[in-house]
C-alpha atoms as a PDB file:
ATOM      1  CA  UNK A   1      12.025 109.545 124.143  1.00  0.00           C
ATOM      2  CA  UNK A   2      14.293 109.843 120.911  1.00  0.00           C
ATOM      3  CA  UNK A   3      12.745 110.396 117.373  1.00  0.00           C
ATOM      4  CA  UNK A   4      13.760 108.191 115.009  1.00  0.00           C
ATOM      5  CA  UNK A   5      13.843 107.465 111.384  1.00  0.00           C
ATOM      6  CA  UNK A   6      14.305 104.602 108.917  1.00  0.00           C
ATOM      7  CA  UNK A   7      15.849 104.420 105.781  1.00  0.00           C
ATOM      8  CA  UNK A   8      16.788 102.063 102.670  1.00  0.00           C
ATOM      9  CA  UNK A   9      20.174 101.709 101.771  1.00  0.00           C
ATOM     10  CA  UNK A  10      21.222 100.104  98.394  1.00  0.00           C
ATOM     11  CA  UNK A  11      24.713  99.743  97.650  1.00  0.00           C
ATOM     12  CA  UNK A  12      26.246  98.557  94.378  1.00  0.00           C
ATOM     13  CA  UNK A  13      29.335  96.878  92.702  1.00  0.00           C
ATOM     14  CA  UNK A  14      32.114  96.547  95.379  1.00  0.00           C
ATOM     15  CA  UNK A  15      30.366  98.849  98.300  1.00  0.00           C
ATOM     16  CA  UNK A  16      28.304  95.971  98.529  1.00  0.00           C
ATOM     17  CA  UNK A  17      30.940  94.437 101.132  1.00  0.00           C
ATOM     18  CA  UNK A  18      30.142  97.475 103.486  1.00  0.00           C
ATOM     19  CA  UNK A  19      26.630  95.774 103.681  1.00  0.00           C
ATOM     20  CA  UNK A  20      25.919  93.199 106.614  1.00  0.00           C
ATOM     21  CA  UNK A  21      26.128  89.636 105.748  1.00  0.00           C
ATOM     22  CA  UNK A  22      22.144  89.542 106.391  1.00  0.00           C
ATOM     23  CA  UNK A  23      21.464  92.131 103.570  1.00  0.00           C
ATOM     24  CA  UNK A  24      19.464  90.561 100.686  1.00  0.00           C
ATOM     25  CA  UNK A  25      19.789  92.057  97.337  1.00  0.00           C
ATOM     26  CA  UNK A  26      22.216  94.684  98.031  1.00  0.00           C
ATOM     27  CA  UNK A  27      19.924  96.785 100.466  1.00  0.00           C
ATOM     28  CA  UNK A  28      19.351  97.299 103.854  1.00  0.00           C
ATOM     29  CA  UNK A  29      17.065  99.302 106.454  1.00  0.00           C
ATOM     30  CA  UNK A  30      18.785 101.147 108.790  1.00  0.00           C
ATOM     31  CA  UNK A  31      17.394 103.642 111.758  1.00  0.00           C
ATOM     32  CA  UNK A  32      19.031 106.732 112.689  1.00  0.00           C
ATOM     33  CA  UNK A  33      18.093 109.454 114.917  1.00  0.00           C
ATOM     34  CA  UNK A  34      16.159 112.273 113.254  1.00  0.00           C
ATOM     35  CA  UNK A  35      18.676 114.775 112.266  1.00  0.00           C
ATOM     36  CA  UNK A  36      21.107 112.231 110.892  1.00  0.00           C
ATOM     37  CA  UNK A  37      23.063 113.098 107.684  1.00  0.00           C
ATOM     38  CA  UNK A  38      24.506 111.193 104.612  1.00  0.00           C
ATOM     39  CA  UNK A  39      28.184 111.537 106.514  1.00  0.00           C
ATOM     40  CA  UNK A  40      26.253 109.660 109.539  1.00  0.00           C
ATOM     41  CA  UNK A  41      25.438 106.747 107.284  1.00  0.00           C
ATOM     42  CA  UNK A  42      28.651 106.571 105.269  1.00  0.00           C
ATOM     43  CA  UNK A  43      30.516 106.543 108.758  1.00  0.00           C
ATOM     44  CA  UNK A  44      28.126 103.883 109.954  1.00  0.00           C
ATOM     45  CA  UNK A  45      28.649 101.521 107.301  1.00  0.00           C
ATOM     46  CA  UNK A  46      32.313 102.091 107.055  1.00  0.00           C
ATOM     47  CA  UNK A  47      32.277 104.080 103.862  1.00  0.00           C
ATOM     48  CA  UNK A  48      34.904 106.702 103.700  1.00  0.00           C
ATOM     49  CA  UNK A  49      33.419 110.114 103.700  1.00  0.00           C
ATOM     50  CA  UNK A  50      36.139 111.438 101.068  1.00  0.00           C
ATOM     51  CA  UNK A  51      35.092 109.061  98.385  1.00  0.00           C
ATOM     52  CA  UNK A  52      33.946 110.259  95.011  1.00  0.00           C
ATOM     53  CA  UNK A  53      30.843 107.793  95.061  1.00  0.00           C
ATOM     54  CA  UNK A  54      27.651 108.751  93.226  1.00  0.00           C
ATOM     55  CA  UNK A  55      24.646 109.466  96.042  1.00  0.00           C
ATOM     56  CA  UNK A  56      21.122 108.936  94.879  1.00  0.00           C
ATOM     57  CA  UNK A  57      18.622 110.094  97.245  1.00  0.00           C
ATOM     58  CA  UNK A  58      15.073 109.594  96.283  1.00  0.00           C
ATOM     59  CA  UNK A  59      15.849 109.413  92.733  1.00  0.00           C
ATOM     60  CA  UNK A  60      18.296 112.673  92.698  1.00  0.00           C
ATOM     61  CA  UNK A  61      21.822 111.934  91.927  1.00  0.00           C
ATOM     62  CA  UNK A  62      24.598 113.861  94.017  1.00  0.00           C
ATOM     63  CA  UNK A  63      28.569 113.620  93.610  1.00  0.00           C
ATOM     64  CA  UNK A  64      29.918 112.700  97.068  1.00  0.00           C
ATOM     65  CA  UNK A  65      31.347 115.590  98.786  1.00  0.00           C
ATOM     66  CA  UNK A  66      31.148 118.014 102.062  1.00  0.00           C
ATOM     67  CA  UNK A  67      27.658 119.455 100.686  1.00  0.00           C
ATOM     68  CA  UNK A  68      26.282 116.244  99.951  1.00  0.00           C
ATOM     69  CA  UNK A  69      27.729 114.431 102.912  1.00  0.00           C
ATOM     70  CA  UNK A  70      25.879 117.328 105.474  1.00  0.00           C
ATOM     71  CA  UNK A  71      22.377 116.402 103.812  1.00  0.00           C
ATOM     72  CA  UNK A  72      19.696 115.594 106.553  1.00  0.00           C
ATOM     73  CA  UNK A  73      18.134 112.186 106.019  1.00  0.00           C
ATOM     74  CA  UNK A  74      14.531 111.744 106.159  1.00  0.00           C
ATOM     75  CA  UNK A  75      11.977 109.163 107.155  1.00  0.00           C
ATOM     76  CA  UNK A  76      11.445 106.518 104.380  1.00  0.00           C
ATOM     77  CA  UNK A  77      14.202 107.743 102.098  1.00  0.00           C
ATOM     78  CA  UNK A  78      16.008 105.634  99.576  1.00  0.00           C
ATOM     79  CA  UNK A  79      19.477 105.919  99.221  1.00  0.00           C
ATOM     80  CA  UNK A  80      21.718 104.437  96.392  1.00  0.00           C
ATOM     81  CA  UNK A  81      25.357 104.452  96.418  1.00  0.00           C
ATOM     82  CA  UNK A  82      27.409 103.858  93.562  1.00  0.00           C
ATOM     83  CA  UNK A  83      31.290 103.611  93.168  1.00  0.00           C
ATOM     84  CA  UNK A  84      32.960 106.208  90.893  1.00  0.00           C
ATOM     85  CA  UNK A  85      32.066 105.613  87.522  1.00  0.00           C
ATOM     86  CA  UNK A  86      34.567 106.148  84.720  1.00  0.00           C
ATOM     87  CA  UNK A  87      35.170 105.349  81.054  1.00  0.00           C
ATOM     88  CA  UNK A  88      34.875 106.222  77.941  1.00  0.00           C
ATOM     89  CA  UNK A  89      37.358 105.362  75.128  1.00  0.00           C
ATOM     90  CA  UNK A  90      39.066 107.599  72.596  1.00  0.00           C
ATOM     91  CA  UNK A  91      40.171 104.529  70.559  1.00  0.00           C
ATOM     92  CA  UNK A  92      36.998 104.025  68.683  1.00  0.00           C
ATOM     93  CA  UNK A  93      36.010 107.867  68.243  1.00  0.00           C
ATOM     94  CA  UNK A  94      33.398 106.996  65.155  1.00  0.00           C
ATOM     95  CA  UNK A  95      30.897 105.002  67.416  1.00  0.00           C
ATOM     96  CA  UNK A  96      29.757 108.337  68.909  1.00  0.00           C
ATOM     97  CA  UNK A  97      27.344 109.147  65.967  1.00  0.00           C
END
């Protein structure tokens, strides 16, 4: 008998395209064998493991990298994945006050 865990995955913005059509509100419950990692989750969802996404696990944010990809998932984890965020403008520097 294999031991399994269940995690909740939430994807945002254009990453939602990786969710099954049956996913509601941009999230899905996924079952994995105990010992599964973030990389296993990304691979299952078709999200490239070399991307620079922001991965939030139970409220703690990580930049996606080899170390983050190796983190082990735990039963009941909530994982949110955001695409890279860029921005800021040097055109209006006075607005920083």
